[in-house]
Amino acid sequence: MKLLTRFELAAKNKTELHVLLRQSFNELAKSNPDTHQRRNALASIENIQQEIGSRVPVKPQARILKRYFYST
């Protein structure tokens, strides 16, 4: 499996990231221990999860600001 970097993942939308996460997990499950395929799959999964986590949802923030400014 090819290692997916944060740079590559930054250009993907959330749906594409979830597809890549599933594919990477499947590759991990098929890989043999102590192989570069397994290490790449594990690193890719970590990178994808970090990229998904770094995406800030827009709507919840808008509700928080609205509640803060208009509740008084």
N, C-alpha and C. Protein backbone atom coordinates (compact mmCIF):
# COMPACT_ATOMS: atom_id res chain seq x y z
N MET A 1 0.83 -1.18 0.00
CA MET A 1 0.00 0.00 0.00
C MET A 1 0.88 1.25 0.00
N LYS A 2 0.42 2.26 -0.73
CA LYS A 2 1.12 3.54 -0.79
C LYS A 2 0.78 4.35 0.47
N LEU A 3 1.78 4.98 1.04
CA LEU A 3 1.57 5.84 2.20
C LEU A 3 0.82 7.09 1.78
N LEU A 4 -0.26 7.40 2.50
CA LEU A 4 -1.03 8.61 2.24
C LEU A 4 -0.56 9.70 3.21
N THR A 5 -0.09 10.80 2.65
CA THR A 5 0.46 11.88 3.47
C THR A 5 -0.62 12.90 3.79
N ARG A 6 -0.37 13.71 4.82
CA ARG A 6 -1.30 14.77 5.19
C ARG A 6 -1.46 15.77 4.04
N PHE A 7 -0.39 16.00 3.30
CA PHE A 7 -0.45 16.92 2.16
C PHE A 7 -1.46 16.43 1.13
N GLU A 8 -1.39 15.13 0.80
CA GLU A 8 -2.34 14.55 -0.16
C GLU A 8 -3.76 14.59 0.38
N LEU A 9 -3.91 14.29 1.66
CA LEU A 9 -5.23 14.19 2.26
C LEU A 9 -5.91 15.54 2.41
N ALA A 10 -5.14 16.60 2.49
CA ALA A 10 -5.71 17.94 2.67
C ALA A 10 -6.59 18.34 1.49
N ALA A 11 -6.35 17.77 0.32
CA ALA A 11 -7.12 18.11 -0.87
C ALA A 11 -8.39 17.28 -1.00
N LYS A 12 -8.62 16.34 -0.10
CA LYS A 12 -9.78 15.45 -0.18
C LYS A 12 -10.92 15.99 0.67
N ASN A 13 -12.16 15.69 0.23
CA ASN A 13 -13.29 16.07 1.05
C ASN A 13 -13.55 14.97 2.09
N LYS A 14 -14.48 15.22 2.99
CA LYS A 14 -14.70 14.31 4.11
C LYS A 14 -15.15 12.92 3.64
N THR A 15 -15.98 12.86 2.63
CA THR A 15 -16.44 11.58 2.11
C THR A 15 -15.26 10.78 1.55
N GLU A 16 -14.41 11.44 0.80
CA GLU A 16 -13.23 10.77 0.23
C GLU A 16 -12.30 10.27 1.34
N LEU A 17 -12.17 11.06 2.41
CA LEU A 17 -11.33 10.64 3.53
C LEU A 17 -11.87 9.38 4.18
N HIS A 18 -13.18 9.30 4.33
CA HIS A 18 -13.78 8.11 4.95
C HIS A 18 -13.62 6.88 4.05
N VAL A 19 -13.70 7.07 2.74
CA VAL A 19 -13.46 5.95 1.81
C VAL A 19 -12.02 5.48 1.92
N LEU A 20 -11.09 6.41 1.97
CA LEU A 20 -9.67 6.06 2.10
C LEU A 20 -9.39 5.38 3.44
N LEU A 21 -10.07 5.82 4.49
CA LEU A 21 -9.91 5.20 5.80
C LEU A 21 -10.35 3.74 5.76
N ARG A 22 -11.49 3.49 5.14
CA ARG A 22 -11.98 2.11 5.01
C ARG A 22 -11.02 1.26 4.18
N GLN A 23 -10.54 1.80 3.07
CA GLN A 23 -9.60 1.06 2.22
C GLN A 23 -8.31 0.76 2.97
N SER A 24 -7.81 1.73 3.71
CA SER A 24 -6.58 1.53 4.47
C SER A 24 -6.77 0.48 5.56
N PHE A 25 -7.92 0.51 6.21
CA PHE A 25 -8.20 -0.48 7.23
C PHE A 25 -8.25 -1.88 6.62
N ASN A 26 -8.87 -2.01 5.46
CA ASN A 26 -8.93 -3.31 4.77
C ASN A 26 -7.53 -3.79 4.38
N GLU A 27 -6.69 -2.87 3.92
CA GLU A 27 -5.31 -3.24 3.59
C GLU A 27 -4.55 -3.69 4.84
N LEU A 28 -4.79 -3.01 5.94
CA LEU A 28 -4.16 -3.39 7.21
C LEU A 28 -4.57 -4.81 7.59
N ALA A 29 -5.85 -5.10 7.45
CA ALA A 29 -6.36 -6.43 7.81
C ALA A 29 -5.75 -7.53 6.94
N LYS A 30 -5.45 -7.22 5.68
CA LYS A 30 -4.89 -8.21 4.76
C LYS A 30 -3.37 -8.35 4.88
N SER A 31 -2.73 -7.39 5.51
CA SER A 31 -1.26 -7.37 5.51
C SER A 31 -0.67 -8.35 6.51
N ASN A 32 0.54 -8.74 6.24
CA ASN A 32 1.29 -9.61 7.15
C ASN A 32 2.05 -8.75 8.16
N PRO A 33 2.29 -9.30 9.35
CA PRO A 33 3.05 -8.54 10.36
C PRO A 33 4.46 -8.20 9.86
N ASP A 34 4.96 -7.08 10.34
CA ASP A 34 6.34 -6.65 10.05
C ASP A 34 6.63 -6.47 8.57
N THR A 35 5.67 -5.93 7.83
CA THR A 35 5.90 -5.64 6.41
C THR A 35 5.71 -4.14 6.18
N HIS A 36 6.28 -3.65 5.08
CA HIS A 36 6.12 -2.22 4.78
C HIS A 36 4.68 -1.90 4.42
N GLN A 37 3.92 -2.86 3.87
CA GLN A 37 2.51 -2.63 3.57
C GLN A 37 1.73 -2.34 4.86
N ARG A 38 2.04 -3.11 5.90
CA ARG A 38 1.35 -2.92 7.19
C ARG A 38 1.74 -1.57 7.81
N ARG A 39 3.01 -1.24 7.77
CA ARG A 39 3.45 0.04 8.33
C ARG A 39 2.83 1.22 7.58
N ASN A 40 2.76 1.11 6.25
CA ASN A 40 2.15 2.17 5.45
C ASN A 40 0.65 2.28 5.74
N ALA A 41 -0.02 1.15 5.89
CA ALA A 41 -1.46 1.17 6.19
C ALA A 41 -1.70 1.82 7.55
N LEU A 42 -0.92 1.47 8.55
CA LEU A 42 -1.06 2.05 9.89
C LEU A 42 -0.79 3.55 9.87
N ALA A 43 0.26 3.96 9.20
CA ALA A 43 0.60 5.38 9.11
C ALA A 43 -0.48 6.15 8.33
N SER A 44 -1.00 5.54 7.28
CA SER A 44 -2.05 6.18 6.49
C SER A 44 -3.31 6.36 7.33
N ILE A 45 -3.67 5.33 8.10
CA ILE A 45 -4.85 5.42 8.97
C ILE A 45 -4.68 6.56 9.96
N GLU A 46 -3.51 6.65 10.55
CA GLU A 46 -3.25 7.73 11.50
C GLU A 46 -3.36 9.09 10.82
N ASN A 47 -2.78 9.23 9.63
CA ASN A 47 -2.84 10.50 8.90
C ASN A 47 -4.28 10.87 8.53
N ILE A 48 -5.05 9.88 8.10
CA ILE A 48 -6.44 10.14 7.72
C ILE A 48 -7.25 10.57 8.95
N GLN A 49 -7.06 9.88 10.06
CA GLN A 49 -7.80 10.24 11.28
C GLN A 49 -7.42 11.64 11.75
N GLN A 50 -6.16 11.99 11.65
CA GLN A 50 -5.74 13.34 12.04
C GLN A 50 -6.35 14.39 11.11
N GLU A 51 -6.40 14.08 9.83
CA GLU A 51 -6.97 15.03 8.87
C GLU A 51 -8.47 15.19 9.11
N ILE A 52 -9.17 14.11 9.35
CA ILE A 52 -10.61 14.20 9.65
C ILE A 52 -10.82 15.02 10.92
N GLY A 53 -10.01 14.79 11.92
CA GLY A 53 -10.13 15.50 13.19
C GLY A 53 -9.79 16.97 13.09
N SER A 54 -8.99 17.34 12.11
CA SER A 54 -8.59 18.74 11.98
C SER A 54 -9.65 19.58 11.27
N ARG A 55 -10.61 18.92 10.65
CA ARG A 55 -11.67 19.65 9.95
C ARG A 55 -12.66 20.19 10.98
N VAL A 56 -12.88 21.49 10.96
CA VAL A 56 -13.76 22.13 11.94
C VAL A 56 -15.16 22.24 11.34
N PRO A 57 -16.16 21.71 12.02
CA PRO A 57 -17.53 21.85 11.50
C PRO A 57 -17.97 23.32 11.58
N VAL A 58 -18.67 23.79 10.56
CA VAL A 58 -19.04 25.19 10.48
C VAL A 58 -20.33 25.47 11.25
N LYS A 59 -21.34 24.66 11.09
CA LYS A 59 -22.64 24.95 11.69
C LYS A 59 -22.62 24.99 13.21
N PRO A 60 -22.00 24.03 13.91
CA PRO A 60 -22.02 24.13 15.37
C PRO A 60 -21.41 25.42 15.89
N GLN A 61 -20.38 25.92 15.26
CA GLN A 61 -19.78 27.17 15.71
C GLN A 61 -20.76 28.32 15.52
N ALA A 62 -21.47 28.33 14.43
CA ALA A 62 -22.43 29.40 14.17
C ALA A 62 -23.51 29.41 15.23
N ARG A 63 -23.96 28.23 15.67
CA ARG A 63 -24.98 28.17 16.72
C ARG A 63 -24.44 28.68 18.04
N ILE A 64 -23.19 28.35 18.35
CA ILE A 64 -22.59 28.81 19.59
C ILE A 64 -22.49 30.33 19.58
N LEU A 65 -22.02 30.91 18.49
CA LEU A 65 -21.89 32.37 18.41
C LEU A 65 -23.26 33.03 18.48
N LYS A 66 -24.23 32.46 17.80
CA LYS A 66 -25.57 33.03 17.81
C LYS A 66 -26.13 33.01 19.24
N ARG A 67 -25.98 31.90 19.93
CA ARG A 67 -26.47 31.78 21.30
C ARG A 67 -25.75 32.78 22.21
N TYR A 68 -24.45 32.95 22.01
CA TYR A 68 -23.66 33.85 22.86
C TYR A 68 -24.06 35.31 22.65
N PHE A 69 -24.19 35.72 21.40
CA PHE A 69 -24.45 37.13 21.13
C PHE A 69 -25.92 37.52 21.28
N TYR A 70 -26.83 36.60 21.08
CA TYR A 70 -28.24 36.96 21.07
C TYR A 70 -28.99 36.50 22.32
N SER A 71 -28.32 35.88 23.27
CA SER A 71 -29.01 35.40 24.47
C SER A 71 -29.13 36.49 25.52
N THR A 72 -28.39 37.57 25.39
CA THR A 72 -28.44 38.62 26.42
C THR A 72 -29.37 39.73 26.06
